[in-house]
Amino acid sequence: MKRYVNSIDNISSDNVQVLRLSQSKLYLKIIGIPFFMEGTNTPIRSDNIETIIKAKHIFNNLTLMLRLRVIKAFPKSDIVII
């Protein structure tokens, strides 16, 4: 039989449940990235972008669920969307 707590003073560790917050999953879209790496004719790859993202302090707690996809904005464009 469960006992219900009538006041805050009567709370014991037996009556406390730990709640876990759900983790947010967000969609990140980066636009305007040059298709070729600077000063070369080498196309940019997802691991290049991932290395750059992990080096920035703003993304310290970012966990990538999938591999980044590099997509050309238009077939003949020199700009990609990550």
C-alpha atoms as a PDB file:
ATOM      1  CA  MET A   1       0.000   0.000   0.000  1.00  0.00           C
ATOM      2  CA  LYS A   2       1.418   3.396  -1.025  1.00  0.00           C
ATOM      3  CA  ARG A   3       1.497   6.313   1.340  1.00  0.00           C
ATOM      4  CA  TYR A   4       1.131   9.771  -0.105  1.00  0.00           C
ATOM      5  CA  VAL A   5       3.193  12.647   1.200  1.00  0.00           C
ATOM      6  CA  ASN A   6       1.073  15.467   2.626  1.00  0.00           C
ATOM      7  CA  SER A   7       3.808  18.037   3.101  1.00  0.00           C
ATOM      8  CA  ILE A   8       7.325  18.751   1.953  1.00  0.00           C
ATOM      9  CA  ASP A   9       8.658  18.186   5.479  1.00  0.00           C
ATOM     10  CA  ASN A  10       7.623  14.522   5.366  1.00  0.00           C
ATOM     11  CA  ILE A  11       9.546  13.630   2.192  1.00  0.00           C
ATOM     12  CA  SER A  12      12.050  10.838   2.646  1.00  0.00           C
ATOM     13  CA  SER A  13      14.456   9.340   0.128  1.00  0.00           C
ATOM     14  CA  ASP A  14      12.035   6.411  -0.274  1.00  0.00           C
ATOM     15  CA  ASN A  15       9.435   8.741  -1.790  1.00  0.00           C
ATOM     16  CA  VAL A  16      11.713  10.482  -4.301  1.00  0.00           C
ATOM     17  CA  GLN A  17      11.899   9.385  -7.919  1.00  0.00           C
ATOM     18  CA  VAL A  18      14.605  10.589 -10.269  1.00  0.00           C
ATOM     19  CA  LEU A  19      13.238  11.938 -13.521  1.00  0.00           C
ATOM     20  CA  ARG A  20      15.413  12.036 -16.600  1.00  0.00           C
ATOM     21  CA  LEU A  21      14.972  14.689 -19.229  1.00  0.00           C
ATOM     22  CA  SER A  22      14.706  13.533 -22.791  1.00  0.00           C
ATOM     23  CA  GLN A  23      17.542  14.349 -25.144  1.00  0.00           C
ATOM     24  CA  SER A  24      16.732  16.712 -27.965  1.00  0.00           C
ATOM     25  CA  LYS A  25      17.427  15.718 -31.529  1.00  0.00           C
ATOM     26  CA  LEU A  26      17.893  18.623 -33.866  1.00  0.00           C
ATOM     27  CA  TYR A  27      18.409  18.999 -37.560  1.00  0.00           C
ATOM     28  CA  LEU A  28      21.425  21.111 -38.477  1.00  0.00           C
ATOM     29  CA  LYS A  29      21.739  22.539 -41.981  1.00  0.00           C
ATOM     30  CA  ILE A  30      24.891  24.400 -42.999  1.00  0.00           C
ATOM     31  CA  ILE A  31      24.713  26.255 -46.299  1.00  0.00           C
ATOM     32  CA  GLY A  32      27.167  28.198 -48.409  1.00  0.00           C
ATOM     33  CA  ILE A  33      30.211  25.945 -47.984  1.00  0.00           C
ATOM     34  CA  PRO A  34      32.582  25.896 -51.000  1.00  0.00           C
ATOM     35  CA  PHE A  35      32.633  22.548 -52.846  1.00  0.00           C
ATOM     36  CA  PHE A  36      36.430  22.525 -53.146  1.00  0.00           C
ATOM     37  CA  MET A  37      38.769  22.809 -50.190  1.00  0.00           C
ATOM     38  CA  GLU A  38      40.503  26.173 -50.073  1.00  0.00           C
ATOM     39  CA  GLY A  39      43.409  26.437 -52.508  1.00  0.00           C
ATOM     40  CA  THR A  40      42.933  22.925 -53.965  1.00  0.00           C
ATOM     41  CA  ASN A  41      40.814  21.028 -56.464  1.00  0.00           C
ATOM     42  CA  THR A  42      39.911  18.461 -53.807  1.00  0.00           C
ATOM     43  CA  PRO A  43      36.157  18.233 -53.063  1.00  0.00           C
ATOM     44  CA  ILE A  44      35.230  18.740 -49.429  1.00  0.00           C
ATOM     45  CA  ARG A  45      34.235  15.575 -47.565  1.00  0.00           C
ATOM     46  CA  SER A  46      32.019  14.989 -44.551  1.00  0.00           C
ATOM     47  CA  ASP A  47      34.971  14.047 -42.325  1.00  0.00           C
ATOM     48  CA  ASN A  48      36.589  17.437 -43.113  1.00  0.00           C
ATOM     49  CA  ILE A  49      33.441  19.228 -41.939  1.00  0.00           C
ATOM     50  CA  GLU A  50      33.133  16.985 -38.879  1.00  0.00           C
ATOM     51  CA  THR A  51      36.708  17.845 -37.839  1.00  0.00           C
ATOM     52  CA  ILE A  52      35.970  21.562 -38.163  1.00  0.00           C
ATOM     53  CA  ILE A  53      32.720  21.283 -36.179  1.00  0.00           C
ATOM     54  CA  LYS A  54      34.380  19.358 -33.338  1.00  0.00           C
ATOM     55  CA  ALA A  55      37.129  22.003 -33.106  1.00  0.00           C
ATOM     56  CA  LYS A  56      34.603  24.784 -32.341  1.00  0.00           C
ATOM     57  CA  HIS A  57      33.746  25.271 -28.655  1.00  0.00           C
ATOM     58  CA  ILE A  58      30.100  26.047 -29.444  1.00  0.00           C
ATOM     59  CA  PHE A  59      29.595  22.406 -30.492  1.00  0.00           C
ATOM     60  CA  ASN A  60      31.292  20.807 -27.443  1.00  0.00           C
ATOM     61  CA  ASN A  61      28.232  18.791 -26.416  1.00  0.00           C
ATOM     62  CA  LEU A  62      27.097  17.950 -29.933  1.00  0.00           C
ATOM     63  CA  THR A  63      26.760  14.271 -30.752  1.00  0.00           C
ATOM     64  CA  LEU A  64      26.249  13.414 -34.392  1.00  0.00           C
ATOM     65  CA  MET A  65      23.723  10.627 -34.838  1.00  0.00           C
ATOM     66  CA  LEU A  66      24.537  10.058 -38.493  1.00  0.00           C
ATOM     67  CA  ARG A  67      27.408  10.823 -40.799  1.00  0.00           C
ATOM     68  CA  LEU A  68      27.233  14.283 -42.317  1.00  0.00           C
ATOM     69  CA  ARG A  69      26.052  14.441 -45.917  1.00  0.00           C
ATOM     70  CA  VAL A  70      27.651  16.802 -48.411  1.00  0.00           C
ATOM     71  CA  ILE A  71      25.168  17.738 -51.148  1.00  0.00           C
ATOM     72  CA  LYS A  72      25.751  20.158 -54.001  1.00  0.00           C
ATOM     73  CA  ALA A  73      23.230  23.009 -53.935  1.00  0.00           C
ATOM     74  CA  PHE A  74      22.745  22.695 -57.715  1.00  0.00           C
ATOM     75  CA  PRO A  75      24.301  20.187 -60.147  1.00  0.00           C
ATOM     76  CA  LYS A  76      26.721  22.764 -61.628  1.00  0.00           C
ATOM     77  CA  SER A  77      27.190  24.756 -58.430  1.00  0.00           C
ATOM     78  CA  ASP A  78      30.417  25.156 -56.494  1.00  0.00           C
ATOM     79  CA  ILE A  79      28.499  25.520 -53.196  1.00  0.00           C
ATOM     80  CA  VAL A  80      27.392  22.600 -50.977  1.00  0.00           C
ATOM     81  CA  ILE A  81      24.834  22.057 -48.236  1.00  0.00           C
ATOM     82  CA  ILE A  82      25.834  20.002 -45.207  1.00  0.00           C
END
